[in-house]
Amino acid sequence: MKRIALFLTCTLCVVMNSVAYDIVVESGKNVYDALQTVRNLRRLGNTTEAYNIILSGGTYVLDEPLVLRPEDGGASPAGSLTIKSAEGAQAIISGAATITNWKREGKLWVSTPQGRACFASPIRQLWVNGKKAVRATQFGEYKLDRMADFNAINRTITIPTPKNIKQLKKAARLEMLVHQRWAIAILRVKEMKELTDGNTEVTFLEPESHLEFLHPWPQPIINGEKGSSSYCLQNALCLLDEPGEWYEDEAGKIYYYPLDGEDMKTADVKVARLERLLSIEGSPLAKVCNINIEGITFEYAAWNRPNTKGHVTLQGGFAITEAYKLKDAGLPWNPNLENQAWIERPDAAVRAEWCEGIRFSNCTFRHLAATGLDFRTGVKKSQIDGNTLTDIGGTAIMAGSFAEGATEVHNPLTISNEEYTEDIRIANNTISDATNEDWGAVGIGAGYVRHTTIEGNDVSHVNYSGICVGWGWTAHDTGMRDNHIDNNKVRDFARMLYDAGGIYTLSNQPESTIKGNTIEDLCDSPYATNDRGFYIYLDEATDGYTISNNKCTQQKFGDNKPGPKVVWK
C-alpha cells in the first residue's frame, strides 16, 4: 500500500493511505494544529475516510478549550475522527497553570502574583502534588456547625459568634456554605452584626441573598427532627489554621499551610486556567457526528461561578436563577404545585451537544471542579464506557436536558424528537470522590432522556445520591421512557446531604427498569436534619419502573407519590 508522509510547519507527521489518515502529535506540540490539519483535509473532499489524531505521551496544556465542530466529524462511522493516546502512552489534556516562587513566612508558605502564570483571579481551587487543597474554612474540611436562626423575612442567618469575629468582619471575600437538606448554598457575606446573646447575624450579597430567602425548596431547617441546618464560613486569612488549607488575598497572594513533610519549593502546585477543556458543538441544523475519544486524560478545570453570583441550588447542582412560593397553590398541570423555579446548568470540563455517534472510552477525568463529562441537548446514539472519573467537584457524568433556561422546572417539558438526548449507553465507568465542591451534585445524573442504559458502573464516595434518572416532578408523559439502571454498584453515598438515594428517580418513565444493582453503605450524614436516606428512592411521580433483583445492605426504600405502574419484584 502506498504511503505518503507530509511534514507540516507544526511538526506534525501525517501518514496517508487508502483507509485513514494518522496525524501524530509529538509531546508538547499543539493539538489545535492537528485539528486544523483534519479540517483542511476534510475540505479537500476527504469526507468519508477515517482520521486519527494520535497524541504521544505527555501533557498538552491548553490556552483555550478545544472545540470540535460539524466539519470535524465523519459522514459515517467508517469515516470517524478519533483522538487517542498513542499505543502504550498516556496523553494528558490539561487546563493547569503552575504556581511557583514559594517562600516561607512562619508556619505558612506564600507565593506572590509573580509566581503565577496568566489565569483569572480570584481562584477557587488549588492542587498540591495532585491532591486538592482545602480552601480556608472555619471548622475543618467537611465540618460544620448548627445555625441558630434562619430569617426569610429579614434575609439573615444567625450563627454563634465566631472567636475571630473582628478579623472576619474585615475579610473581603468571606463566604458562608449552607447545608440545606439535599442541596447546598454558597453565599458571599455582606455584613456581620454581633448580637447581645452571643450570636451574630449575617447578611449576604445579591443575587444569592434574595434567591436563598425566597425559594422554598430546599431551605434550611431550624429545630428539625435531627436538629437545625448547618453552615461554615470560608475564605478568610484568619481561617487558615490547619495543614492542607490555603487562601488567596485580594492582591493575588496565595498562602498555604503545609502538610507534614511538604516543601513548597519542590511541590507541584496547580490551579486551573480554564473551566472547559473540550466542547463538541453541533447545532439543530448541523450535527457533529462520529467522534471517538479514546484513552485520553482530562485534568484541571476550574469552577468560578460563586465568585460573582454565589450558588443557590435547587437539586443536583443546578443553580437557581429565580424561584418563589406561589401565593395560592395550583397550576393547570399540577393542582398541588406551590412553588416555581428556574435553573442554570453547571458548566462541564468536557461537554457535547447536538451530535450523534460520540464515544468516550477508557479515558480518565480528574481534578475537575464542576461537571466532569456532560452529554447535553440533542445527543443521539452515543456511549460513555470504561472511563475513570475521580476528584470531580460536581456531577461526574451528566446527560439530557434538565429544563434549564427559560422553562420552569415543574412544567412538563415538551421538546422535539431532535432535542431529546436518547440511545445513550453509560457503562462500566468507575466514579469516586465526585461532588466534592458542590455536595448536592451526583455520581451519574440523567434528566430528560429516553432509550438510555446505565449499566455496570461503580459509583462511590459521593455526598448526595449515586445514580439519578428523571426530572420534572410530574406524572405527565414528557417522552422519558425505556431507561435502564441495571447491574451497577453504588456505595458510600449520602456522605454529607440527605433526602438521597443510592438510585434515585423522578417522574413518569414507562418501560424502564432498576435491576441487578448492588447498593451498599448508605452513610449517616452527620449534619442531616431528617432521616430520609434510602437505597432506592422513587421520588415524586416516579412511574413505569420495574424494580427487581437488587441487592441492598438494608431494605430501606423511599417513595413520594409513585404512579400505578411501578412494579416491585
Protein backbone atom coordinates (compact mmCIF):
# COMPACT_ATOMS: atom_id res chain seq x y z
CA MET A 1 0.00 0.00 0.00
CA LYS A 2 1.38 3.36 -0.95
CA ARG A 3 2.01 5.70 1.96
CA ILE A 4 2.83 9.40 1.70
CA ALA A 5 4.32 11.30 4.61
CA LEU A 6 3.62 15.03 4.86
CA PHE A 7 5.69 17.18 7.22
CA LEU A 8 3.87 20.31 8.32
CA THR A 9 5.22 23.51 9.83
CA CYS A 10 3.72 22.49 13.17
CA THR A 11 5.99 19.41 13.07
CA LEU A 12 3.04 17.06 12.82
CA CYS A 13 3.58 13.92 10.75
CA VAL A 14 0.68 12.95 8.50
CA VAL A 15 0.68 9.44 7.05
CA MET A 16 -1.91 8.91 4.33
CA ASN A 17 -3.20 5.64 2.90
CA SER A 18 -6.37 4.41 1.31
CA VAL A 19 -8.02 3.69 4.67
CA ALA A 20 -7.22 6.50 7.08
CA TYR A 21 -5.06 9.48 7.91
CA ASP A 22 -2.90 9.16 11.03
CA ILE A 23 -1.83 12.52 12.45
CA VAL A 24 0.80 12.01 15.12
CA VAL A 25 1.27 14.87 17.59
CA GLU A 26 4.57 14.83 19.42
CA SER A 27 4.64 15.60 23.14
CA GLY A 28 4.48 19.31 23.89
CA LYS A 29 3.20 20.27 20.44
CA ASN A 30 -0.11 21.94 19.64
CA VAL A 31 -3.31 19.88 19.49
CA TYR A 32 -5.12 22.78 17.80
CA ASP A 33 -2.85 22.42 14.77
CA ALA A 34 -3.75 18.75 14.46
CA LEU A 35 -7.44 19.64 14.39
CA GLN A 36 -6.75 22.27 11.72
CA THR A 37 -4.97 19.65 9.66
CA VAL A 38 -8.05 17.42 9.79
CA ARG A 39 -10.27 20.32 8.72
CA ASN A 40 -8.03 21.17 5.80
CA LEU A 41 -8.07 17.57 4.58
CA ARG A 42 -11.85 17.29 5.02
CA ARG A 43 -12.36 20.44 2.98
CA LEU A 44 -10.31 18.96 0.14
CA GLY A 45 -13.06 16.39 -0.22
CA ASN A 46 -11.77 13.65 2.07
CA THR A 47 -15.03 13.38 3.99
CA THR A 48 -15.52 9.62 4.12
CA GLU A 49 -12.10 8.41 5.31
CA ALA A 50 -11.24 7.96 8.98
CA TYR A 51 -8.88 10.39 10.70
CA ASN A 52 -6.83 9.52 13.77
CA ILE A 53 -5.19 12.24 15.84
CA ILE A 54 -2.66 10.26 17.87
CA LEU A 55 -1.21 12.05 20.87
CA SER A 56 2.19 10.90 22.04
CA GLY A 57 2.65 10.52 25.77
CA GLY A 58 2.94 13.65 27.86
CA THR A 59 0.91 16.70 28.85
CA TYR A 60 -0.75 19.06 26.37
CA VAL A 61 -1.56 22.30 28.19
CA LEU A 62 -4.39 24.29 26.63
CA ASP A 63 -4.58 28.04 26.24
CA GLU A 64 -8.26 27.80 25.28
CA PRO A 65 -10.78 24.95 25.06
CA LEU A 66 -10.61 22.52 22.18
CA VAL A 67 -13.77 22.74 20.06
CA LEU A 68 -14.97 20.04 17.64
CA ARG A 69 -17.50 21.25 15.07
CA PRO A 70 -19.68 19.58 12.43
CA GLU A 71 -16.94 19.69 9.77
CA ASP A 72 -14.63 17.68 12.05
CA GLY A 73 -16.86 14.61 12.24
CA GLY A 74 -17.35 11.81 9.76
CA ALA A 75 -20.19 11.17 7.36
CA SER A 76 -20.38 7.60 8.70
CA PRO A 77 -18.74 5.54 11.48
CA ALA A 78 -16.23 4.33 8.89
CA GLY A 79 -15.14 7.92 8.39
CA SER A 80 -14.95 8.90 12.03
CA LEU A 81 -12.50 11.22 13.75
CA THR A 82 -10.63 9.56 16.61
CA ILE A 83 -8.47 11.40 19.13
CA LYS A 84 -6.46 8.96 21.19
CA SER A 85 -3.27 8.29 23.09
CA ALA A 86 -0.51 6.52 21.22
CA GLU A 87 -0.25 2.82 21.95
CA GLY A 88 1.44 2.29 25.32
CA ALA A 89 1.45 6.03 26.08
CA GLN A 90 -0.69 8.33 28.22
CA ALA A 91 -1.67 11.68 26.74
CA ILE A 92 -2.96 14.33 29.14
CA ILE A 93 -5.05 17.33 28.09
CA SER A 94 -4.71 19.90 30.85
CA GLY A 95 -6.05 23.31 31.75
CA ALA A 96 -3.49 23.79 34.51
CA ALA A 97 -1.18 26.62 35.42
CA THR A 98 1.68 26.12 37.87
CA ILE A 99 2.25 28.21 40.99
CA THR A 100 5.90 28.80 41.82
CA ASN A 101 8.03 31.30 43.76
CA TRP A 102 7.12 29.96 47.22
CA LYS A 103 8.68 31.50 50.31
CA ARG A 104 8.33 30.53 53.95
CA GLU A 105 6.57 33.00 56.27
CA GLY A 106 6.34 31.46 59.73
CA LYS A 107 4.26 28.29 59.58
CA LEU A 108 2.85 29.23 56.15
CA TRP A 109 4.22 29.18 52.63
CA VAL A 110 3.44 32.20 50.44
CA SER A 111 3.53 32.77 46.67
CA THR A 112 3.23 36.30 45.28
CA PRO A 113 1.49 37.09 41.96
CA GLN A 114 4.87 36.96 40.23
CA GLY A 115 4.85 33.23 40.92
CA ARG A 116 1.77 32.52 38.85
CA ALA A 117 1.10 32.10 35.16
CA CYS A 118 -1.71 34.02 33.47
CA PHE A 119 -5.10 32.97 34.86
CA ALA A 120 -8.18 34.57 36.34
CA SER A 121 -8.25 35.74 39.94
CA PRO A 122 -9.71 35.01 42.40
CA ILE A 123 -9.12 31.27 42.22
CA ARG A 124 -11.34 28.72 43.97
CA GLN A 125 -9.31 25.52 43.60
CA LEU A 126 -5.68 24.68 44.32
CA TRP A 127 -4.00 21.27 43.98
CA VAL A 128 -0.74 20.38 45.73
CA ASN A 129 1.09 17.30 44.47
CA GLY A 130 -2.08 16.05 42.77
CA LYS A 131 -4.34 16.48 45.82
CA LYS A 132 -6.98 19.19 46.12
CA ALA A 133 -6.12 21.51 49.00
CA VAL A 134 -8.84 22.80 51.33
CA ARG A 135 -9.93 26.41 50.90
CA ALA A 136 -9.54 28.04 54.33
CA THR A 137 -12.58 27.02 56.34
CA GLN A 138 -13.93 27.67 59.81
CA PHE A 139 -14.10 24.20 61.34
CA GLY A 140 -12.04 22.00 59.01
CA GLU A 141 -12.77 20.00 55.87
CA TYR A 142 -16.36 18.73 55.75
CA LYS A 143 -17.01 20.08 59.26
CA LEU A 144 -19.95 22.34 60.09
CA ASP A 145 -21.86 23.84 63.00
CA ARG A 146 -25.60 24.27 63.55
CA MET A 147 -27.10 27.68 62.81
CA ALA A 148 -29.15 29.50 65.45
CA ASP A 149 -31.77 31.02 63.16
CA PHE A 150 -32.82 31.45 59.53
CA ASN A 151 -35.00 34.51 58.93
CA ALA A 152 -36.51 34.60 55.44
CA ILE A 153 -38.23 37.95 56.06
CA ASN A 154 -35.13 39.83 57.20
CA ARG A 155 -32.88 37.71 54.95
CA THR A 156 -30.45 36.87 57.72
CA ILE A 157 -28.78 33.76 59.09
CA THR A 158 -27.85 33.84 62.76
CA ILE A 159 -24.84 31.83 63.94
CA PRO A 160 -22.84 31.53 67.16
CA THR A 161 -20.39 34.43 67.23
CA PRO A 162 -17.00 33.22 65.92
CA LYS A 163 -13.99 33.77 68.17
CA ASN A 164 -12.24 35.75 65.39
CA ILE A 165 -15.26 37.92 64.57
CA LYS A 166 -13.24 41.17 64.33
CA GLN A 167 -11.00 39.73 61.65
CA LEU A 168 -13.90 38.12 59.81
CA LYS A 169 -15.74 41.44 59.63
CA LYS A 170 -12.80 42.80 57.64
CA ALA A 171 -12.48 39.81 55.31
CA ALA A 172 -13.12 40.98 51.75
CA ARG A 173 -14.24 37.71 50.17
CA LEU A 174 -15.79 35.83 53.06
CA GLU A 175 -18.36 33.18 52.15
CA MET A 176 -20.83 31.01 54.02
CA LEU A 177 -21.55 27.46 52.93
CA VAL A 178 -25.08 26.39 53.96
CA HIS A 179 -26.18 22.77 54.29
CA GLN A 180 -29.87 22.59 53.37
CA ARG A 181 -31.08 19.01 53.25
CA TRP A 182 -30.43 17.76 49.68
CA ALA A 183 -28.53 20.81 48.41
CA ILE A 184 -26.04 23.47 49.43
CA ALA A 185 -25.82 27.21 49.06
CA ILE A 186 -22.64 29.29 48.78
CA LEU A 187 -23.37 32.84 49.95
CA ARG A 188 -20.98 35.77 49.77
CA VAL A 189 -21.07 37.63 53.08
CA LYS A 190 -22.12 41.28 53.03
CA GLU A 191 -22.12 42.14 56.74
CA MET A 192 -21.81 40.53 60.18
CA LYS A 193 -23.60 42.10 63.14
CA GLU A 194 -22.90 40.92 66.67
CA LEU A 195 -25.96 40.45 68.89
CA THR A 196 -26.14 40.60 72.67
CA ASP A 197 -27.00 36.92 73.14
CA GLY A 198 -23.67 35.53 71.93
CA ASN A 199 -24.83 35.18 68.34
CA THR A 200 -24.03 37.05 65.14
CA GLU A 201 -26.47 37.99 62.39
CA VAL A 202 -25.15 37.62 58.83
CA THR A 203 -26.42 39.22 55.62
CA PHE A 204 -25.37 38.44 52.07
CA LEU A 205 -24.69 39.93 48.66
CA GLU A 206 -27.01 39.80 45.65
CA PRO A 207 -28.14 37.91 43.67
CA GLU A 208 -27.78 35.00 46.06
CA SER A 209 -29.39 36.80 49.00
CA HIS A 210 -32.89 37.09 47.53
CA LEU A 211 -32.62 33.65 45.90
CA GLU A 212 -31.71 31.96 49.18
CA PHE A 213 -34.53 33.53 51.16
CA LEU A 214 -37.29 33.46 48.52
CA HIS A 215 -37.01 29.92 47.22
CA PRO A 216 -38.94 27.44 49.39
CA TRP A 217 -37.23 24.18 48.34
CA PRO A 218 -34.84 23.47 49.85
CA GLN A 219 -34.41 25.96 52.65
CA PRO A 220 -32.57 25.42 55.91
CA ILE A 221 -34.47 23.91 58.83
CA ILE A 222 -34.44 25.23 62.38
CA ASN A 223 -35.16 22.64 65.11
CA GLY A 224 -35.81 19.78 62.71
CA GLU A 225 -36.19 16.16 63.78
CA LYS A 226 -32.39 15.78 63.89
CA GLY A 227 -31.51 19.40 64.72
CA SER A 228 -31.09 22.63 62.79
CA SER A 229 -29.36 23.08 59.46
CA SER A 230 -25.63 23.69 59.42
CA TYR A 231 -23.09 26.13 57.99
CA CYS A 232 -19.45 27.09 57.90
CA LEU A 233 -17.56 30.25 56.98
CA GLN A 234 -14.88 30.04 54.31
CA ASN A 235 -12.16 32.03 52.57
CA ALA A 236 -10.50 34.36 55.09
CA LEU A 237 -6.87 34.50 56.19
CA CYS A 238 -7.86 34.14 59.84
CA LEU A 239 -9.49 30.78 58.99
CA LEU A 240 -6.22 29.40 57.62
CA ASP A 241 -5.35 27.33 60.68
CA GLU A 242 -4.97 23.67 59.63
CA PRO A 243 -2.45 21.78 57.47
CA GLY A 244 -3.66 21.35 53.91
CA GLU A 245 -5.61 24.64 53.82
CA TRP A 246 -4.94 27.64 51.55
CA TYR A 247 -6.12 31.20 50.98
CA GLU A 248 -5.70 33.87 48.27
CA ASP A 249 -5.90 37.55 49.23
CA GLU A 250 -7.17 40.46 47.13
CA ALA A 251 -3.70 41.16 45.75
CA GLY A 252 -3.40 37.61 44.41
CA LYS A 253 -1.01 36.44 47.14
CA ILE A 254 -1.52 32.75 47.93
CA TYR A 255 -0.99 31.35 51.42
CA TYR A 256 -0.66 27.63 52.11
CA TYR A 257 -0.44 25.72 55.41
CA PRO A 258 1.74 22.70 54.54
CA LEU A 259 1.13 19.12 55.48
CA ASP A 260 3.88 17.35 57.36
CA GLY A 261 6.94 16.95 55.18
CA GLU A 262 5.78 19.22 52.35
CA ASP A 263 8.42 21.51 50.85
CA MET A 264 6.68 24.01 48.58
CA LYS A 265 9.93 24.81 46.77
CA THR A 266 9.78 21.35 45.22
CA ALA A 267 5.99 20.78 45.33
CA ASP A 268 3.88 20.61 42.17
CA VAL A 269 1.19 23.26 42.77
CA LYS A 270 -1.56 23.67 40.19
CA VAL A 271 -4.56 25.89 39.56
CA ALA A 272 -6.91 25.66 36.58
CA ARG A 273 -6.87 28.43 33.98
CA LEU A 274 -9.87 27.08 32.08
CA GLU A 275 -13.36 25.99 33.10
CA ARG A 276 -13.78 23.88 29.95
CA LEU A 277 -11.26 21.67 28.18
CA LEU A 278 -13.23 20.20 25.28
CA SER A 279 -16.54 21.03 23.58
CA ILE A 280 -18.25 19.03 20.85
CA GLU A 281 -20.59 21.69 19.48
CA GLY A 282 -23.19 20.99 16.86
CA SER A 283 -26.49 22.73 16.17
CA PRO A 284 -30.04 21.60 15.29
CA LEU A 285 -29.22 22.07 11.61
CA ALA A 286 -25.63 20.78 11.65
CA LYS A 287 -24.72 17.95 13.99
CA VAL A 288 -21.28 16.70 14.92
CA CYS A 289 -21.14 13.01 14.01
CA ASN A 290 -18.86 10.06 14.59
CA ILE A 291 -16.24 11.26 17.05
CA ASN A 292 -14.23 8.88 19.24
CA ILE A 293 -12.15 9.99 22.22
CA GLU A 294 -10.02 7.10 23.48
CA GLY A 295 -7.56 6.75 26.33
CA ILE A 296 -7.09 10.48 26.97
CA THR A 297 -6.72 12.01 30.43
CA PHE A 298 -8.54 15.30 31.02
CA GLU A 299 -7.38 17.21 34.07
CA TYR A 300 -7.53 20.58 35.85
CA ALA A 301 -10.64 22.58 35.07
CA ALA A 302 -11.99 25.36 37.30
CA TRP A 303 -15.41 26.37 38.63
CA ASN A 304 -15.69 30.10 39.26
CA ARG A 305 -19.43 30.88 39.24
CA PRO A 306 -19.75 31.53 43.00
CA ASN A 307 -17.14 34.32 42.79
CA THR A 308 -19.69 36.65 41.19
CA LYS A 309 -23.13 35.10 41.74
CA GLY A 310 -22.91 32.89 44.79
CA HIS A 311 -24.50 29.50 44.30
CA VAL A 312 -28.04 28.68 45.48
CA THR A 313 -29.11 25.29 44.15
CA LEU A 314 -32.42 23.53 43.62
CA GLN A 315 -31.17 19.96 43.28
CA GLY A 316 -28.43 18.02 41.58
CA GLY A 317 -26.07 21.01 41.42
CA PHE A 318 -28.39 23.17 39.30
CA ALA A 319 -28.16 26.81 40.34
CA ILE A 320 -31.42 28.73 40.80
CA THR A 321 -31.84 31.86 38.68
CA GLU A 322 -35.31 32.63 40.03
CA ALA A 323 -37.65 30.89 42.49
CA TYR A 324 -40.54 31.70 44.78
CA LYS A 325 -43.53 30.26 46.60
CA LEU A 326 -46.95 30.67 44.96
CA LYS A 327 -49.48 32.74 46.88
CA ASP A 328 -52.18 30.19 46.00
CA ALA A 329 -51.17 26.62 45.23
CA GLY A 330 -52.13 25.02 41.96
CA LEU A 331 -51.32 25.34 38.26
CA PRO A 332 -53.07 23.77 35.24
CA TRP A 333 -50.59 20.89 35.00
CA ASN A 334 -50.42 20.26 38.76
CA PRO A 335 -53.21 21.34 41.14
CA ASN A 336 -50.98 20.86 44.17
CA LEU A 337 -47.88 22.72 42.98
CA GLU A 338 -46.94 25.53 45.37
CA ASN A 339 -43.61 26.82 44.04
CA GLN A 340 -41.85 27.89 40.87
CA ALA A 341 -38.16 27.66 39.95
CA TRP A 342 -35.84 28.32 37.01
CA ILE A 343 -32.32 26.96 36.87
CA GLU A 344 -28.95 27.24 35.15
CA ARG A 345 -26.92 24.23 34.05
CA PRO A 346 -23.49 23.87 35.64
CA ASP A 347 -20.54 24.06 33.28
CA ALA A 348 -18.55 20.97 32.41
CA ALA A 349 -14.91 20.27 31.69
CA VAL A 350 -15.96 18.19 28.69
CA ARG A 351 -19.34 18.58 27.03
CA ALA A 352 -21.20 17.54 23.88
CA GLU A 353 -24.45 18.79 22.36
CA TRP A 354 -26.31 18.34 19.10
CA CYS A 355 -24.29 15.37 18.00
CA GLU A 356 -24.54 11.68 17.13
CA GLY A 357 -22.22 8.73 17.31
CA ILE A 358 -19.99 10.18 20.04
CA ARG A 359 -17.94 7.81 22.16
CA PHE A 360 -15.69 8.42 25.16
CA SER A 361 -13.88 5.22 26.11
CA ASN A 362 -11.09 4.35 28.53
CA CYS A 363 -10.46 7.98 29.39
CA THR A 364 -9.57 9.48 32.76
CA PHE A 365 -11.24 12.60 34.15
CA ARG A 366 -9.63 14.06 37.27
CA HIS A 367 -9.10 17.31 39.17
CA LEU A 368 -12.19 18.90 37.60
CA ALA A 369 -14.11 21.40 39.72
CA ALA A 370 -17.59 21.28 38.13
CA THR A 371 -19.27 18.58 35.98
CA GLY A 372 -16.82 16.08 34.51
CA LEU A 373 -18.46 14.90 31.25
CA ASP A 374 -21.82 16.21 30.01
CA PHE A 375 -23.99 14.96 27.13
CA ARG A 376 -26.40 17.87 26.84
CA THR A 377 -29.28 18.53 24.43
CA GLY A 378 -29.73 16.58 21.20
CA VAL A 379 -27.13 13.85 21.74
CA LYS A 380 -28.03 10.58 19.97
CA LYS A 381 -26.62 7.05 19.73
CA SER A 382 -23.58 7.77 21.86
CA GLN A 383 -21.54 6.00 24.53
CA ILE A 384 -19.56 6.71 27.68
CA ASP A 385 -17.82 3.48 28.58
CA GLY A 386 -14.86 2.24 30.57
CA ASN A 387 -13.79 5.63 31.89
CA THR A 388 -12.42 6.59 35.30
CA LEU A 389 -13.65 9.80 36.96
CA THR A 390 -12.18 10.94 40.26
CA ASP A 391 -11.77 14.23 42.14
CA ILE A 392 -14.77 15.79 40.41
CA GLY A 393 -16.25 18.92 42.02
CA GLY A 394 -19.79 18.40 40.69
CA THR A 395 -21.59 15.58 38.88
CA ALA A 396 -19.22 13.09 37.27
CA ILE A 397 -21.39 12.17 34.25
CA MET A 398 -24.48 14.14 33.18
CA ALA A 399 -26.89 13.55 30.29
CA GLY A 400 -30.03 15.10 28.83
CA SER A 401 -31.96 18.32 29.30
CA PHE A 402 -32.94 19.45 32.80
CA ALA A 403 -35.32 22.18 31.61
CA GLU A 404 -32.65 24.75 32.33
CA GLY A 405 -33.06 28.26 31.00
CA ALA A 406 -36.49 29.63 30.13
CA THR A 407 -38.58 26.61 31.18
CA GLU A 408 -39.99 26.43 34.70
CA VAL A 409 -38.71 23.14 36.08
CA HIS A 410 -42.08 21.70 37.18
CA ASN A 411 -43.81 22.46 33.88
CA PRO A 412 -43.95 19.16 31.94
CA LEU A 413 -41.27 19.67 29.34
CA THR A 414 -42.34 19.21 25.73
CA ILE A 415 -39.37 19.02 23.41
CA SER A 416 -38.94 17.83 19.86
CA ASN A 417 -37.52 14.47 18.90
CA GLU A 418 -34.40 16.24 17.67
CA GLU A 419 -33.82 17.88 21.06
CA TYR A 420 -34.14 14.67 23.06
CA THR A 421 -30.96 13.03 24.25
CA GLU A 422 -31.54 9.34 23.57
CA ASP A 423 -29.97 5.98 22.81
CA ILE A 424 -27.17 6.69 25.28
CA ARG A 425 -25.12 3.97 26.93
CA ILE A 426 -23.22 4.86 30.12
CA ALA A 427 -21.42 1.67 31.04
CA ASN A 428 -18.55 0.23 33.07
CA ASN A 429 -17.29 3.56 34.36
CA THR A 430 -15.61 3.96 37.74
CA ILE A 431 -16.60 7.09 39.67
CA SER A 432 -15.19 8.10 43.05
CA ASP A 433 -14.79 11.30 45.05
CA ALA A 434 -17.27 13.25 42.93
CA THR A 435 -19.39 16.12 44.34
CA ASN A 436 -16.51 17.46 46.43
CA GLU A 437 -17.22 21.14 45.57
CA ASP A 438 -21.00 21.08 45.20
CA TRP A 439 -22.16 18.41 47.63
CA GLY A 440 -25.62 18.38 46.06
CA ALA A 441 -24.37 17.08 42.70
CA VAL A 442 -24.46 13.32 41.96
CA GLY A 443 -22.38 10.49 40.57
CA ILE A 444 -24.40 9.98 37.37
CA GLY A 445 -27.28 12.34 36.61
CA ALA A 446 -29.65 11.97 33.64
CA GLY A 447 -32.60 14.30 33.10
CA TYR A 448 -34.98 14.16 30.14
CA VAL A 449 -33.56 11.07 28.43
CA ARG A 450 -35.04 8.03 26.74
CA HIS A 451 -33.79 4.65 25.47
CA THR A 452 -30.83 5.17 27.79
CA THR A 453 -28.92 2.44 29.59
CA ILE A 454 -26.79 3.00 32.70
CA GLU A 455 -25.12 -0.32 33.47
CA GLY A 456 -22.07 -1.86 35.06
CA ASN A 457 -20.85 1.36 36.67
CA ASP A 458 -19.12 1.59 40.06
CA VAL A 459 -20.11 4.79 41.90
CA SER A 460 -18.65 5.52 45.32
CA HIS A 461 -17.73 8.26 47.77
CA VAL A 462 -20.36 10.87 46.82
CA ASN A 463 -22.00 13.42 49.08
CA TYR A 464 -25.57 13.06 47.82
CA SER A 465 -27.21 10.47 45.54
CA GLY A 466 -25.38 7.93 43.42
CA ILE A 467 -27.29 7.42 40.14
CA CYS A 468 -30.26 9.71 39.32
CA VAL A 469 -32.59 9.47 36.33
CA GLY A 470 -35.53 11.75 35.53
CA TRP A 471 -36.61 15.34 36.08
CA GLY A 472 -39.76 17.43 36.24
CA TRP A 473 -41.64 16.17 39.31
CA THR A 474 -44.52 15.21 37.01
CA ALA A 475 -46.79 12.28 36.19
CA HIS A 476 -47.34 13.60 32.65
CA ASP A 477 -45.90 11.86 29.60
CA THR A 478 -42.90 14.02 28.70
CA GLY A 479 -41.21 11.48 26.43
CA MET A 480 -38.94 9.97 29.08
CA ARG A 481 -39.13 6.20 28.65
CA ASP A 482 -37.24 2.95 28.21
CA ASN A 483 -34.46 3.88 30.64
CA HIS A 484 -32.49 1.13 32.36
CA ILE A 485 -30.42 1.37 35.55
CA ASP A 486 -29.03 -2.15 35.67
CA ASN A 487 -26.16 -4.08 37.26
CA ASN A 488 -24.42 -1.08 38.80
CA LYS A 489 -22.64 -0.87 42.13
CA VAL A 490 -23.32 2.16 44.34
CA ARG A 491 -21.67 2.55 47.73
CA ASP A 492 -20.58 5.10 50.28
CA PHE A 493 -23.20 7.68 49.28
CA ALA A 494 -25.11 10.48 51.07
CA ARG A 495 -21.91 11.34 52.94
CA MET A 496 -22.98 14.95 53.68
CA LEU A 497 -26.55 15.53 52.41
CA TYR A 498 -29.81 13.65 52.80
CA ASP A 499 -33.19 13.08 51.15
CA ALA A 500 -30.98 10.94 48.93
CA GLY A 501 -30.98 7.61 47.15
CA GLY A 502 -28.29 5.21 46.03
CA ILE A 503 -30.51 5.01 42.96
CA TYR A 504 -32.94 7.91 42.63
CA THR A 505 -35.69 8.53 40.08
CA LEU A 506 -38.21 11.28 39.23
CA SER A 507 -41.37 11.39 37.13
CA ASN A 508 -43.07 9.09 34.64
CA GLN A 509 -40.71 6.83 32.64
CA PRO A 510 -42.65 3.95 31.05
CA GLU A 511 -40.92 0.66 30.21
CA SER A 512 -37.94 1.37 32.47
CA THR A 513 -36.02 -0.91 34.86
CA ILE A 514 -33.91 -0.88 38.01
CA LYS A 515 -32.48 -4.37 38.24
CA GLY A 516 -29.46 -6.32 39.38
CA ASN A 517 -27.82 -3.43 41.21
CA THR A 518 -25.73 -3.70 44.38
CA ILE A 519 -26.26 -0.74 46.72
CA GLU A 520 -24.22 -0.56 49.92
CA ASP A 521 -23.12 1.78 52.68
CA LEU A 522 -25.73 4.49 52.96
CA CYS A 523 -23.86 6.99 55.12
CA ASP A 524 -25.27 8.57 58.24
CA SER A 525 -24.75 12.21 57.29
CA PRO A 526 -23.58 13.99 60.45
CA TYR A 527 -25.50 17.18 59.63
CA ALA A 528 -28.76 15.83 58.21
CA THR A 529 -31.94 17.32 59.68
CA ASN A 530 -34.00 14.22 58.89
CA ASP A 531 -33.58 10.50 58.30
CA ARG A 532 -34.62 10.45 54.65
CA GLY A 533 -31.80 8.43 53.11
CA PHE A 534 -32.66 5.37 51.00
CA TYR A 535 -31.02 2.65 48.97
CA ILE A 536 -33.64 3.11 46.24
CA TYR A 537 -35.71 6.29 46.25
CA LEU A 538 -38.64 6.77 43.88
CA ASP A 539 -39.17 10.49 44.25
CA GLU A 540 -42.18 12.47 43.13
CA ALA A 541 -44.44 10.88 40.49
CA THR A 542 -41.98 8.10 39.57
CA ASP A 543 -43.84 5.64 37.37
CA GLY A 544 -43.20 2.97 34.76
CA TYR A 545 -40.29 1.27 36.52
CA THR A 546 -39.96 -2.46 37.13
CA ILE A 547 -37.60 -3.00 40.08
CA SER A 548 -36.06 -6.44 40.52
CA ASN A 549 -33.12 -8.44 41.85
CA ASN A 550 -31.32 -5.59 43.56
CA LYS A 551 -29.02 -6.34 46.48
CA CYS A 552 -29.07 -3.70 49.22
CA THR A 553 -27.40 -3.60 52.61
CA GLN A 554 -30.82 -2.80 54.11
CA GLN A 555 -34.36 -2.94 52.79
CA LYS A 556 -34.64 0.81 53.20
CA PHE A 557 -36.62 2.20 50.28
CA GLY A 558 -38.46 5.50 49.84
CA ASP A 559 -41.14 6.87 47.57
CA ASN A 560 -43.07 10.10 47.04
CA LYS A 561 -46.40 9.80 45.22
CA PRO A 562 -45.33 6.94 42.93
CA GLY A 563 -47.54 6.06 39.96
CA PRO A 564 -49.65 2.92 39.48
CA LYS A 565 -47.24 1.27 37.03
CA VAL A 566 -44.32 0.85 39.41
CA VAL A 567 -43.68 -2.89 39.82
CA TRP A 568 -41.53 -4.35 42.61
CA LYS A 569 -40.25 -7.89 42.07
